[in-house]
Protein backbone atom coordinates (compact mmCIF):
# COMPACT_ATOMS: atom_id res chain seq x y z
CA MET A 1 53.83 -55.88 -24.10
CA GLU A 2 53.93 -52.04 -23.94
CA ASN A 3 54.24 -51.96 -27.76
CA LEU A 4 51.73 -54.62 -28.32
CA LEU A 5 49.11 -52.51 -26.41
CA LYS A 6 50.09 -49.32 -28.26
CA ASN A 7 50.50 -50.76 -31.50
CA SER A 8 47.05 -52.30 -31.42
CA ILE A 9 45.23 -48.93 -32.02
CA LYS A 10 44.05 -48.66 -35.82
CA LYS A 11 41.59 -45.60 -35.90
CA ASP A 12 42.84 -42.12 -36.03
CA GLU A 13 41.70 -39.24 -33.80
CA LYS A 14 38.82 -38.48 -35.97
CA GLU A 15 37.33 -41.80 -35.95
CA ILE A 16 37.71 -42.04 -32.24
CA ASN A 17 35.94 -38.85 -31.63
CA LEU A 18 32.81 -40.21 -33.61
CA MET A 19 32.86 -43.39 -31.02
CA SER A 20 30.27 -43.32 -28.26
CA PRO A 21 31.99 -42.01 -25.31
CA LEU A 22 30.86 -45.53 -23.77
CA VAL A 23 33.44 -47.06 -25.75
CA TRP A 24 35.79 -44.82 -24.47
CA ALA A 25 34.78 -45.61 -21.07
CA TYR A 26 34.94 -49.49 -21.95
CA ILE A 27 38.73 -49.12 -22.91
CA GLY A 28 39.28 -46.72 -20.14
CA ASP A 29 38.17 -49.17 -17.50
CA ALA A 30 40.45 -51.70 -18.68
CA VAL A 31 43.62 -49.37 -19.14
CA TYR A 32 43.13 -47.86 -15.60
CA GLU A 33 42.73 -51.58 -13.89
CA LEU A 34 45.50 -52.59 -15.27
CA TYR A 35 47.57 -49.58 -14.05
CA ILE A 36 46.10 -49.92 -10.57
CA ARG A 37 47.40 -53.75 -10.69
CA ASN A 38 50.58 -53.00 -12.01
CA TYR A 39 51.24 -50.17 -9.40
CA LEU A 40 49.83 -52.73 -6.54
CA VAL A 41 52.09 -55.74 -7.57
CA ASN A 42 55.17 -53.05 -7.86
CA THR A 43 54.68 -51.44 -4.72
CA THR A 44 53.17 -54.05 -2.26
CA ASN A 45 53.66 -57.83 -1.32
CA LEU A 46 50.14 -58.70 -1.37
CA ASN A 47 48.88 -62.03 -2.38
CA PRO A 48 46.28 -62.46 -5.31
CA HIS A 49 43.24 -62.19 -3.14
CA ASN A 50 44.43 -58.96 -1.19
CA LEU A 51 45.69 -57.47 -4.47
CA HIS A 52 42.11 -58.06 -5.60
CA ILE A 53 40.73 -56.20 -2.32
CA SER A 54 43.12 -53.62 -2.62
CA SER A 55 42.48 -52.85 -6.35
CA ILE A 56 38.84 -52.51 -5.80
CA LYS A 57 39.56 -49.23 -3.33
CA TYR A 58 41.02 -47.52 -6.61
CA VAL A 59 38.53 -48.90 -9.08
CA LYS A 60 35.19 -48.55 -7.53
CA ALA A 61 32.60 -45.88 -9.07
CA GLU A 62 32.90 -43.98 -5.71
CA ALA A 63 36.93 -43.56 -5.72
CA GLN A 64 36.78 -42.70 -9.87
CA ALA A 65 34.33 -40.08 -9.24
CA LYS A 66 36.38 -38.79 -6.09
CA ILE A 67 39.70 -38.77 -8.12
CA LEU A 68 37.82 -37.08 -11.26
CA GLU A 69 36.42 -34.30 -9.19
CA ASN A 70 39.94 -33.90 -7.36
CA MET A 71 41.79 -33.22 -10.94
CA MET A 72 38.97 -31.26 -12.77
CA ASP A 73 41.03 -28.32 -12.14
CA ASP A 74 44.18 -29.86 -13.67
CA LEU A 75 42.32 -30.86 -16.65
CA THR A 76 42.58 -28.98 -20.30
CA GLU A 77 39.55 -27.63 -22.01
CA GLU A 78 39.55 -30.58 -24.42
CA GLU A 79 39.89 -32.95 -21.47
CA LYS A 80 36.74 -31.43 -19.75
CA GLU A 81 34.84 -31.49 -23.12
CA ILE A 82 35.78 -35.05 -22.80
CA VAL A 83 34.72 -35.66 -19.40
CA ARG A 84 31.23 -33.93 -20.13
CA ARG A 85 30.62 -35.85 -23.27
CA ALA A 86 31.32 -39.14 -21.30
CA ARG A 87 29.19 -38.08 -18.14
CA ASN A 88 26.40 -37.10 -20.31
CA THR A 89 25.79 -40.14 -22.37
CA LYS A 90 23.17 -42.03 -21.59
CA ASN A 91 23.89 -45.41 -20.02
CA HIS A 92 21.17 -47.72 -19.12
CA HIS A 93 23.36 -49.79 -16.78
CA LEU A 94 22.16 -49.36 -13.06
CA PRO A 95 25.02 -49.14 -10.61
CA LYS A 96 25.20 -51.73 -8.03
CA ASN A 97 27.67 -50.06 -5.23
CA ALA A 98 27.14 -46.42 -6.17
CA ASN A 99 24.71 -43.77 -6.69
CA VAL A 100 23.83 -42.58 -10.18
CA THR A 101 25.94 -39.61 -9.93
CA GLN A 102 29.17 -41.07 -8.61
CA TYR A 103 28.67 -43.79 -11.66
CA MET A 104 28.18 -40.95 -14.18
CA TYR A 105 31.26 -39.40 -13.03
CA SER A 106 33.18 -42.76 -12.96
CA THR A 107 32.13 -43.34 -16.45
CA ALA A 108 33.51 -40.15 -17.48
CA PHE A 109 36.66 -40.63 -15.55
CA GLU A 110 37.04 -43.84 -17.42
CA GLY A 111 35.97 -42.17 -20.70
CA LEU A 112 38.86 -39.52 -20.17
CA ILE A 113 41.45 -42.55 -19.60
CA GLY A 114 40.14 -44.28 -22.61
CA TYR A 115 40.10 -41.45 -24.93
CA LEU A 116 43.62 -40.59 -24.04
CA TYR A 117 44.70 -44.22 -24.60
CA LEU A 118 42.88 -44.49 -27.95
CA THR A 119 44.32 -41.20 -29.26
CA LYS A 120 47.96 -42.07 -28.14
CA LYS A 121 48.47 -39.37 -25.94
CA TYR A 122 50.35 -41.50 -23.63
CA GLU A 123 52.47 -38.63 -21.83
CA ARG A 124 49.29 -37.01 -20.53
CA LEU A 125 47.61 -40.54 -19.89
CA ASP A 126 50.57 -41.09 -17.80
CA GLU A 127 50.35 -37.85 -15.77
CA ILE A 128 46.76 -38.19 -15.17
CA LEU A 129 47.24 -41.99 -13.86
CA LYS A 130 50.08 -41.22 -11.56
CA LYS A 131 47.87 -38.13 -10.28
CA CYS A 132 45.15 -40.83 -9.70
CA ILE A 133 47.67 -42.48 -7.08
CA ASP A 134 48.60 -39.02 -5.67
CA ASN A 135 44.88 -38.06 -5.17
CA SER A 136 43.25 -41.19 -4.16
CA GLU A 137 42.07 -41.59 -0.71
CA VAL A 138 42.87 -45.07 -0.16
């Protein structure tokens, strides 16, 4: 599975930089959700319903915005630029369970995760994902 996911990326970094940050966020949402699900399956004995309830605490916009806020000082300048681009991208989707600011920052968080994944910066992605668990207030 690991090789399947890593080998599925066909674009180079130049092409990825030209993508909309919303595409980064689209991929980042899936990568982060899968990471959290794996974490919960490996660290708990919950049934599927309770796994779902627990995962929401990590993946909701409010939590992602808070995680990003907590790790901003640990990001490189390049990563901060990725966050800025993703945060400032016009998104015409209205959040249901978060305010607009939280939604913008959660999109920025997902954009960073997606960008790191797409550019195959797996070591840094893994560092950041581990910090998400450490910095989460769940």
